[in-house]
Every structure is written in C-alpha cells, then in structure tokens.
Amino acid sequence: MAEYTLEIRNDAGEFFASPDFTPLVLTQVIDSGDIAHAATPGRVFMTNVPASRKCVIFCKQNYDLVSCLFEVINSGGYKAIRLHGSAGSTGYNNLNCRFYVFSDFVAWSPDYGIYIYRNKTMVYSGNCLPLTVKYYTRNNNIKGKACAAIGGFAKVELYGIPGSNPPQVTYALFCYAGYSGGLRELPYNVSTAGTTNPPAFKSTAGCIYIETEIYDQYYRQSLGLN
C-alpha cells in the first residue's frame, strides 16, 4: 500500500488500489458464436492484450452439458485463445462461449475521471471493471449464478475394460465449466488406449472462477462500446 498519494477503498473501507498496486481489469469480451464440436480444435480468437502483458481469461458457456477446453497462447505479438475441443452430451453442436479477458492495462478511458498510471502507462481508471475471483472446490457444483471458469482440467478418471484383448483403459477427462446457471465439472473427452499402465495424472483440488453478472451488465460502458 502506498504511504502517500491516491488510494482507492471499497464500500467496507478495505484497501483496493493505489499506484503501487492495481488489480487486473477487464479489457475485452469475446463472443465465439456457434462452435460445432468437429470444428472446434485449433480455432483461435485474438485478444487486444499485447504478448508482454499479464493476461487471465475466463469462459462462460450457454449449456451446462458441454465443456470447452482452451489455452492462452502468444500469436502475432498478442495473447490469443486457442480452443482444443468441446465435448459432452451428444447433439449439442451449437455451443456458444463468452470469453472475459483481463489484463494490467486500460483498454479505453473516458475523457475525464480518476486515472492511475505506472511508468507512464495507465493501469486503472474509474470506469474499469476489476477482476474479482472466487475459488471453486472440486465436487461442489455451483448453481444459481452465471459463472465463467478457466480452461483447465479438473480431474481424470481411468476405467479398465474387463475381458478386453488386448487390455484397454478408458480415460475420462473432466473440465471446469462455467455456464449461465453456475459452475460444474463436465466430461471434456473420453478416449481408449491399449495399455494396462496408463500415465499418472494429477487432479486439481479446485479452480478460480468469476461471477459474470456485473461484467455482462457493464462491460460495454466500461470498454467504451456504447
């Protein structure tokens, strides 16, 4: 916390931001449009975040029976979203995703207001929507509020197939999936391998996520899109 100059505190009087510390803020919202399962792998969405900047991206889906796996990559000097695939209940080929992109710079600033600069770069302004994360514990599905999750694995389950020759093992991969009604773990992909000695997978205990209501309501004003 800065010893002097500007400090921003929340409604409870708790420290929130100063020139010495600023939260990541929303810099872009990307809507994918329809994503057919077969066309998903390798699809890339460019962001407005330079490759040298910090970047965290969350995904909200329109269905709770499908999961989408993605990663953040560098492409052409900017951060980009690369989809690896989507899977779940059959017939859901019209999956739609909304990606919330957060970084450590201000994508748009109004003509007047409160601004915070660091090294001559604006890192916060009064119209920003800061990143506010929560933590999800595995096997504790959340319902009732729209959520967006990161694109990583939740867990992997291995099933032996009795009597198969040669021996077969099925890998069931689960992904954290945020959707319009909550957050849950969903199957991303299921594959079969002809081995009795599958590689070791480590499950994650949980993941960070965001509730998206405030971002959906105010992102256009925040990013100067109105």
C-alpha atoms as a PDB file:
ATOM      1  CA  MET A   1       0.000   0.000   0.000  1.00  0.00           C
ATOM      2  CA  ALA A   2       1.321   3.464  -0.859  1.00  0.00           C
ATOM      3  CA  GLU A   3       2.343   5.690   2.085  1.00  0.00           C
ATOM      4  CA  TYR A   4       1.001   8.733   0.301  1.00  0.00           C
ATOM      5  CA  THR A   5      -0.856   9.851  -2.848  1.00  0.00           C
ATOM      6  CA  LEU A   6      -4.116   8.276  -4.076  1.00  0.00           C
ATOM      7  CA  GLU A   7      -5.687   5.174  -2.533  1.00  0.00           C
ATOM      8  CA  ILE A   8      -8.999   3.567  -3.514  1.00  0.00           C
ATOM      9  CA  ARG A   9     -11.024   1.669  -0.935  1.00  0.00           C
ATOM     10  CA  ASN A  10     -14.198  -0.394  -1.292  1.00  0.00           C
ATOM     11  CA  ASP A  11     -17.535   0.151   0.447  1.00  0.00           C
ATOM     12  CA  ALA A  12     -16.242  -1.644   3.553  1.00  0.00           C
ATOM     13  CA  GLY A  13     -13.246   0.688   3.804  1.00  0.00           C
ATOM     14  CA  GLU A  14     -10.801  -2.014   2.742  1.00  0.00           C
ATOM     15  CA  PHE A  15      -7.805  -1.123   0.573  1.00  0.00           C
ATOM     16  CA  PHE A  16      -8.462  -1.756  -3.117  1.00  0.00           C
ATOM     17  CA  ALA A  17      -5.952   0.044  -5.350  1.00  0.00           C
ATOM     18  CA  SER A  18      -3.148   2.599  -5.446  1.00  0.00           C
ATOM     19  CA  PRO A  19      -0.295   3.455  -7.859  1.00  0.00           C
ATOM     20  CA  ASP A  20       1.745   0.748  -6.066  1.00  0.00           C
ATOM     21  CA  PHE A  21      -0.903  -1.906  -6.595  1.00  0.00           C
ATOM     22  CA  THR A  22      -3.705  -2.224  -9.124  1.00  0.00           C
ATOM     23  CA  PRO A  23      -5.952  -5.198  -9.912  1.00  0.00           C
ATOM     24  CA  LEU A  24      -6.219  -6.772 -13.334  1.00  0.00           C
ATOM     25  CA  VAL A  25      -9.107  -5.184 -15.217  1.00  0.00           C
ATOM     26  CA  LEU A  26     -11.472  -6.274 -17.969  1.00  0.00           C
ATOM     27  CA  THR A  27     -10.001  -5.332 -21.347  1.00  0.00           C
ATOM     28  CA  GLN A  28     -12.201  -7.288 -23.773  1.00  0.00           C
ATOM     29  CA  VAL A  29     -15.258  -9.519 -24.086  1.00  0.00           C
ATOM     30  CA  ILE A  30     -15.272 -12.018 -26.975  1.00  0.00           C
ATOM     31  CA  ASP A  31     -18.343 -13.954 -28.086  1.00  0.00           C
ATOM     32  CA  SER A  32     -17.474 -17.088 -30.024  1.00  0.00           C
ATOM     33  CA  GLY A  33     -20.677 -17.620 -31.966  1.00  0.00           C
ATOM     34  CA  ASP A  34     -21.721 -21.215 -32.595  1.00  0.00           C
ATOM     35  CA  ILE A  35     -18.934 -23.744 -32.107  1.00  0.00           C
ATOM     36  CA  ALA A  36     -19.578 -27.129 -33.708  1.00  0.00           C
ATOM     37  CA  HIS A  37     -17.728 -29.904 -31.892  1.00  0.00           C
ATOM     38  CA  ALA A  38     -15.952 -31.121 -35.002  1.00  0.00           C
ATOM     39  CA  ALA A  39     -14.786 -27.626 -35.953  1.00  0.00           C
ATOM     40  CA  THR A  40     -13.547 -26.571 -32.521  1.00  0.00           C
ATOM     41  CA  PRO A  41      -9.970 -27.958 -32.254  1.00  0.00           C
ATOM     42  CA  GLY A  42      -7.349 -25.397 -33.218  1.00  0.00           C
ATOM     43  CA  ARG A  43      -9.740 -22.474 -33.560  1.00  0.00           C
ATOM     44  CA  VAL A  44      -8.106 -19.215 -32.412  1.00  0.00           C
ATOM     45  CA  PHE A  45      -9.620 -15.973 -31.119  1.00  0.00           C
ATOM     46  CA  MET A  46      -7.298 -12.965 -30.963  1.00  0.00           C
ATOM     47  CA  THR A  47      -7.383 -10.603 -27.982  1.00  0.00           C
ATOM     48  CA  ASN A  48      -6.296  -6.987 -27.603  1.00  0.00           C
ATOM     49  CA  VAL A  49      -3.696  -7.875 -24.953  1.00  0.00           C
ATOM     50  CA  PRO A  50      -0.038  -7.483 -26.022  1.00  0.00           C
ATOM     51  CA  ALA A  51       2.022 -10.646 -25.570  1.00  0.00           C
ATOM     52  CA  SER A  52       4.187  -8.912 -22.946  1.00  0.00           C
ATOM     53  CA  ARG A  53       1.223  -8.162 -20.677  1.00  0.00           C
ATOM     54  CA  LYS A  54      -0.338 -10.257 -17.928  1.00  0.00           C
ATOM     55  CA  CYS A  55      -3.496 -11.991 -19.073  1.00  0.00           C
ATOM     56  CA  VAL A  56      -6.184 -14.138 -17.453  1.00  0.00           C
ATOM     57  CA  ILE A  57      -9.172 -15.403 -19.449  1.00  0.00           C
ATOM     58  CA  PHE A  58     -12.416 -16.964 -18.241  1.00  0.00           C
ATOM     59  CA  CYS A  59     -15.075 -18.737 -20.303  1.00  0.00           C
ATOM     60  CA  LYS A  60     -18.857 -18.867 -19.846  1.00  0.00           C
ATOM     61  CA  GLN A  61     -20.884 -21.370 -21.883  1.00  0.00           C
ATOM     62  CA  ASN A  62     -24.542 -21.361 -22.840  1.00  0.00           C
ATOM     63  CA  TYR A  63     -25.031 -25.045 -21.909  1.00  0.00           C
ATOM     64  CA  ASP A  64     -24.290 -26.954 -18.722  1.00  0.00           C
ATOM     65  CA  LEU A  65     -23.961 -30.317 -20.510  1.00  0.00           C
ATOM     66  CA  VAL A  66     -20.922 -29.433 -22.615  1.00  0.00           C
ATOM     67  CA  SER A  67     -17.402 -28.432 -21.678  1.00  0.00           C
ATOM     68  CA  CYS A  68     -14.864 -26.403 -23.647  1.00  0.00           C
ATOM     69  CA  LEU A  69     -11.105 -26.658 -23.162  1.00  0.00           C
ATOM     70  CA  PHE A  70      -8.872 -23.753 -24.196  1.00  0.00           C
ATOM     71  CA  GLU A  71      -5.438 -22.275 -23.558  1.00  0.00           C
ATOM     72  CA  VAL A  72      -3.908 -18.799 -23.756  1.00  0.00           C
ATOM     73  CA  ILE A  73      -1.112 -18.522 -26.329  1.00  0.00           C
ATOM     74  CA  ASN A  74       1.004 -15.804 -27.972  1.00  0.00           C
ATOM     75  CA  SER A  75       0.185 -15.075 -31.601  1.00  0.00           C
ATOM     76  CA  GLY A  76       1.392 -12.184 -33.746  1.00  0.00           C
ATOM     77  CA  GLY A  77       2.516 -10.152 -30.750  1.00  0.00           C
ATOM     78  CA  TYR A  78      -0.766 -10.559 -28.837  1.00  0.00           C
ATOM     79  CA  LYS A  79      -2.395 -13.010 -26.486  1.00  0.00           C
ATOM     80  CA  ALA A  80      -4.864 -15.371 -28.148  1.00  0.00           C
ATOM     81  CA  ILE A  81      -7.346 -18.061 -27.152  1.00  0.00           C
ATOM     82  CA  ARG A  82      -6.812 -21.457 -28.758  1.00  0.00           C
ATOM     83  CA  LEU A  83      -9.609 -23.976 -28.410  1.00  0.00           C
ATOM     84  CA  HIS A  84      -8.736 -27.635 -28.028  1.00  0.00           C
ATOM     85  CA  GLY A  85     -12.222 -29.011 -28.300  1.00  0.00           C
ATOM     86  CA  SER A  86     -15.607 -29.378 -26.707  1.00  0.00           C
ATOM     87  CA  ALA A  87     -17.461 -32.470 -25.657  1.00  0.00           C
ATOM     88  CA  GLY A  88     -20.345 -33.667 -23.540  1.00  0.00           C
ATOM     89  CA  SER A  89     -23.861 -34.794 -24.284  1.00  0.00           C
ATOM     90  CA  THR A  90     -24.415 -35.635 -27.928  1.00  0.00           C
ATOM     91  CA  GLY A  91     -26.401 -33.234 -30.056  1.00  0.00           C
ATOM     92  CA  TYR A  92     -25.055 -30.027 -28.515  1.00  0.00           C
ATOM     93  CA  ASN A  93     -23.207 -28.779 -31.560  1.00  0.00           C
ATOM     94  CA  ASN A  94     -24.324 -25.168 -31.145  1.00  0.00           C
ATOM     95  CA  LEU A  95     -22.169 -24.394 -28.127  1.00  0.00           C
ATOM     96  CA  ASN A  96     -21.623 -20.670 -27.566  1.00  0.00           C
ATOM     97  CA  CYS A  97     -18.869 -19.243 -25.382  1.00  0.00           C
ATOM     98  CA  ARG A  98     -18.232 -15.786 -23.972  1.00  0.00           C
ATOM     99  CA  PHE A  99     -14.609 -15.082 -23.046  1.00  0.00           C
ATOM    100  CA  TYR A 100     -13.754 -12.446 -20.432  1.00  0.00           C
ATOM    101  CA  VAL A 101     -10.240 -11.087 -20.951  1.00  0.00           C
ATOM    102  CA  PHE A 102      -8.416  -9.395 -18.054  1.00  0.00           C
ATOM    103  CA  SER A 103      -5.039  -7.673 -18.154  1.00  0.00           C
ATOM    104  CA  ASP A 104      -2.912  -4.998 -16.460  1.00  0.00           C
ATOM    105  CA  PHE A 105      -3.695  -2.084 -18.756  1.00  0.00           C
ATOM    106  CA  VAL A 106      -6.706   0.083 -19.547  1.00  0.00           C
ATOM    107  CA  ALA A 107      -8.278  -0.683 -22.922  1.00  0.00           C
ATOM    108  CA  TRP A 108     -10.382   2.501 -23.008  1.00  0.00           C
ATOM    109  CA  SER A 109     -10.619   5.555 -20.781  1.00  0.00           C
ATOM    110  CA  PRO A 110     -13.274   8.302 -20.696  1.00  0.00           C
ATOM    111  CA  ASP A 111     -12.441  11.961 -21.246  1.00  0.00           C
ATOM    112  CA  TYR A 112     -12.492  12.667 -17.521  1.00  0.00           C
ATOM    113  CA  GLY A 113     -12.415  10.758 -14.251  1.00  0.00           C
ATOM    114  CA  ILE A 114      -9.889   9.078 -11.947  1.00  0.00           C
ATOM    115  CA  TYR A 115      -6.747   7.591 -13.506  1.00  0.00           C
ATOM    116  CA  ILE A 116      -3.795   5.676 -12.073  1.00  0.00           C
ATOM    117  CA  TYR A 117      -0.508   5.496 -14.019  1.00  0.00           C
ATOM    118  CA  ARG A 118       2.581   3.366 -13.524  1.00  0.00           C
ATOM    119  CA  ASN A 119       5.716   4.036 -15.587  1.00  0.00           C
ATOM    120  CA  LYS A 120       3.712   6.415 -17.799  1.00  0.00           C
ATOM    121  CA  THR A 121       1.140   3.703 -18.617  1.00  0.00           C
ATOM    122  CA  MET A 122      -2.456   3.904 -17.413  1.00  0.00           C
ATOM    123  CA  VAL A 123      -3.194   0.849 -15.287  1.00  0.00           C
ATOM    124  CA  TYR A 124      -6.546   1.822 -13.785  1.00  0.00           C
ATOM    125  CA  SER A 125      -9.358   4.318 -14.312  1.00  0.00           C
ATOM    126  CA  GLY A 126     -12.680   4.957 -12.661  1.00  0.00           C
ATOM    127  CA  ASN A 127     -14.654   3.153 -15.362  1.00  0.00           C
ATOM    128  CA  CYS A 128     -12.670  -0.122 -15.117  1.00  0.00           C
ATOM    129  CA  LEU A 129     -14.204  -3.429 -14.120  1.00  0.00           C
ATOM    130  CA  PRO A 130     -11.578  -5.133 -11.927  1.00  0.00           C
ATOM    131  CA  LEU A 131     -11.044  -8.868 -11.779  1.00  0.00           C
ATOM    132  CA  THR A 132     -12.820 -10.313  -8.752  1.00  0.00           C
ATOM    133  CA  VAL A 133     -12.230 -14.046  -8.423  1.00  0.00           C
ATOM    134  CA  LYS A 134     -13.719 -16.764  -6.259  1.00  0.00           C
ATOM    135  CA  TYR A 135     -12.480 -20.266  -5.583  1.00  0.00           C
ATOM    136  CA  TYR A 136     -14.337 -23.421  -6.564  1.00  0.00           C
ATOM    137  CA  THR A 137     -13.718 -26.653  -4.655  1.00  0.00           C
ATOM    138  CA  ARG A 138     -13.959 -29.825  -6.706  1.00  0.00           C
ATOM    139  CA  ASN A 139     -17.149 -31.913  -6.405  1.00  0.00           C
ATOM    140  CA  ASN A 140     -19.094 -28.894  -5.167  1.00  0.00           C
ATOM    141  CA  ASN A 141     -21.187 -27.773  -8.145  1.00  0.00           C
ATOM    142  CA  ILE A 142     -22.442 -24.181  -8.007  1.00  0.00           C
ATOM    143  CA  LYS A 143     -25.921 -23.241  -9.200  1.00  0.00           C
ATOM    144  CA  GLY A 144     -27.998 -20.104  -9.404  1.00  0.00           C
ATOM    145  CA  LYS A 145     -25.468 -17.522 -10.665  1.00  0.00           C
ATOM    146  CA  ALA A 146     -23.857 -17.164 -14.072  1.00  0.00           C
ATOM    147  CA  CYS A 147     -20.174 -18.121 -13.839  1.00  0.00           C
ATOM    148  CA  ALA A 148     -17.115 -18.291 -16.050  1.00  0.00           C
ATOM    149  CA  ALA A 149     -14.196 -20.665 -15.483  1.00  0.00           C
ATOM    150  CA  ILE A 150     -10.626 -21.104 -16.619  1.00  0.00           C
ATOM    151  CA  GLY A 151      -9.966 -23.670 -19.339  1.00  0.00           C
ATOM    152  CA  GLY A 152      -8.050 -26.348 -17.450  1.00  0.00           C
ATOM    153  CA  PHE A 153      -8.680 -29.910 -16.364  1.00  0.00           C
ATOM    154  CA  ALA A 154     -10.476 -30.744 -13.145  1.00  0.00           C
ATOM    155  CA  LYS A 155      -9.674 -34.440 -12.874  1.00  0.00           C
ATOM    156  CA  VAL A 156      -9.019 -37.601 -14.833  1.00  0.00           C
ATOM    157  CA  GLU A 157     -10.690 -40.935 -14.153  1.00  0.00           C
ATOM    158  CA  LEU A 158      -9.366 -44.218 -15.516  1.00  0.00           C
ATOM    159  CA  TYR A 159     -11.532 -47.250 -16.170  1.00  0.00           C
ATOM    160  CA  GLY A 160     -10.295 -50.725 -17.061  1.00  0.00           C
ATOM    161  CA  ILE A 161     -12.373 -52.667 -19.582  1.00  0.00           C
ATOM    162  CA  PRO A 162     -12.847 -56.234 -18.280  1.00  0.00           C
ATOM    163  CA  GLY A 163     -12.118 -59.042 -20.703  1.00  0.00           C
ATOM    164  CA  SER A 164     -10.697 -56.814 -23.429  1.00  0.00           C
ATOM    165  CA  ASN A 165      -7.915 -58.242 -25.546  1.00  0.00           C
ATOM    166  CA  PRO A 166      -5.537 -56.500 -25.760  1.00  0.00           C
ATOM    167  CA  PRO A 167      -6.144 -54.791 -22.370  1.00  0.00           C
ATOM    168  CA  GLN A 168      -7.934 -51.477 -22.768  1.00  0.00           C
ATOM    169  CA  VAL A 169      -8.167 -48.446 -20.481  1.00  0.00           C
ATOM    170  CA  THR A 170     -10.651 -45.614 -20.928  1.00  0.00           C
ATOM    171  CA  TYR A 171      -9.600 -42.108 -19.924  1.00  0.00           C
ATOM    172  CA  ALA A 172     -12.451 -39.820 -18.822  1.00  0.00           C
ATOM    173  CA  LEU A 173     -11.234 -36.226 -18.746  1.00  0.00           C
ATOM    174  CA  PHE A 174     -13.203 -33.658 -16.769  1.00  0.00           C
ATOM    175  CA  CYS A 175     -13.068 -29.893 -17.234  1.00  0.00           C
ATOM    176  CA  TYR A 176     -14.294 -26.969 -15.146  1.00  0.00           C
ATOM    177  CA  ALA A 177     -17.241 -25.463 -16.992  1.00  0.00           C
ATOM    178  CA  GLY A 178     -18.828 -22.122 -16.158  1.00  0.00           C
ATOM    179  CA  TYR A 179     -22.242 -21.548 -17.689  1.00  0.00           C
ATOM    180  CA  SER A 180     -25.242 -19.239 -17.439  1.00  0.00           C
ATOM    181  CA  GLY A 181     -26.602 -21.126 -14.421  1.00  0.00           C
ATOM    182  CA  GLY A 182     -23.481 -21.910 -12.386  1.00  0.00           C
ATOM    183  CA  LEU A 183     -20.258 -23.913 -12.474  1.00  0.00           C
ATOM    184  CA  ARG A 184     -19.617 -27.648 -12.540  1.00  0.00           C
ATOM    185  CA  GLU A 185     -17.237 -30.361 -13.702  1.00  0.00           C
ATOM    186  CA  LEU A 186     -18.091 -31.900 -17.040  1.00  0.00           C
ATOM    187  CA  PRO A 187     -16.533 -34.531 -19.303  1.00  0.00           C
ATOM    188  CA  TYR A 188     -14.285 -32.957 -21.918  1.00  0.00           C
ATOM    189  CA  ASN A 189     -13.212 -36.061 -23.783  1.00  0.00           C
ATOM    190  CA  VAL A 190     -13.198 -39.817 -23.440  1.00  0.00           C
ATOM    191  CA  SER A 191     -10.616 -41.962 -25.220  1.00  0.00           C
ATOM    192  CA  THR A 192      -9.413 -45.539 -25.085  1.00  0.00           C
ATOM    193  CA  ALA A 193      -5.805 -46.683 -25.002  1.00  0.00           C
ATOM    194  CA  GLY A 194      -4.456 -50.190 -25.365  1.00  0.00           C
ATOM    195  CA  THR A 195      -2.382 -50.342 -22.226  1.00  0.00           C
ATOM    196  CA  THR A 196      -2.644 -51.541 -18.650  1.00  0.00           C
ATOM    197  CA  ASN A 197      -0.115 -48.927 -17.460  1.00  0.00           C
ATOM    198  CA  PRO A 198      -1.630 -45.513 -18.139  1.00  0.00           C
ATOM    199  CA  PRO A 199       0.393 -42.379 -17.382  1.00  0.00           C
ATOM    200  CA  ALA A 200      -0.105 -40.746 -13.996  1.00  0.00           C
ATOM    201  CA  PHE A 201      -2.499 -37.793 -13.913  1.00  0.00           C
ATOM    202  CA  LYS A 202      -2.843 -35.365 -11.029  1.00  0.00           C
ATOM    203  CA  SER A 203      -6.251 -33.899 -10.296  1.00  0.00           C
ATOM    204  CA  THR A 204      -6.565 -30.278  -9.226  1.00  0.00           C
ATOM    205  CA  ALA A 205      -8.322 -29.520  -5.951  1.00  0.00           C
ATOM    206  CA  GLY A 206     -10.327 -26.685  -7.468  1.00  0.00           C
ATOM    207  CA  CYS A 207     -10.134 -23.603  -9.667  1.00  0.00           C
ATOM    208  CA  ILE A 208     -10.690 -19.876  -9.642  1.00  0.00           C
ATOM    209  CA  TYR A 209     -13.825 -18.542 -11.320  1.00  0.00           C
ATOM    210  CA  ILE A 210     -15.823 -15.342 -11.675  1.00  0.00           C
ATOM    211  CA  GLU A 211     -19.483 -14.497 -11.351  1.00  0.00           C
ATOM    212  CA  THR A 212     -20.315 -12.717 -14.596  1.00  0.00           C
ATOM    213  CA  GLU A 213     -23.445 -10.679 -13.879  1.00  0.00           C
ATOM    214  CA  ILE A 214     -21.673  -7.372 -13.278  1.00  0.00           C
ATOM    215  CA  TYR A 215     -19.370  -7.848 -16.288  1.00  0.00           C
ATOM    216  CA  ASP A 216     -22.254  -8.726 -18.595  1.00  0.00           C
ATOM    217  CA  GLN A 217     -24.213  -5.695 -17.402  1.00  0.00           C
ATOM    218  CA  TYR A 218     -21.485  -3.063 -17.592  1.00  0.00           C
ATOM    219  CA  TYR A 219     -18.729  -4.222 -19.955  1.00  0.00           C
ATOM    220  CA  ARG A 220     -19.959  -2.091 -22.852  1.00  0.00           C
ATOM    221  CA  GLN A 221     -19.833   1.087 -20.768  1.00  0.00           C
ATOM    222  CA  SER A 222     -16.500   0.081 -19.264  1.00  0.00           C
ATOM    223  CA  LEU A 223     -14.878  -0.557 -22.661  1.00  0.00           C
ATOM    224  CA  GLY A 224     -16.449   2.436 -24.416  1.00  0.00           C
ATOM    225  CA  LEU A 225     -18.630   0.327 -26.723  1.00  0.00           C
ATOM    226  CA  ASN A 226     -21.872   2.279 -26.198  1.00  0.00           C
END
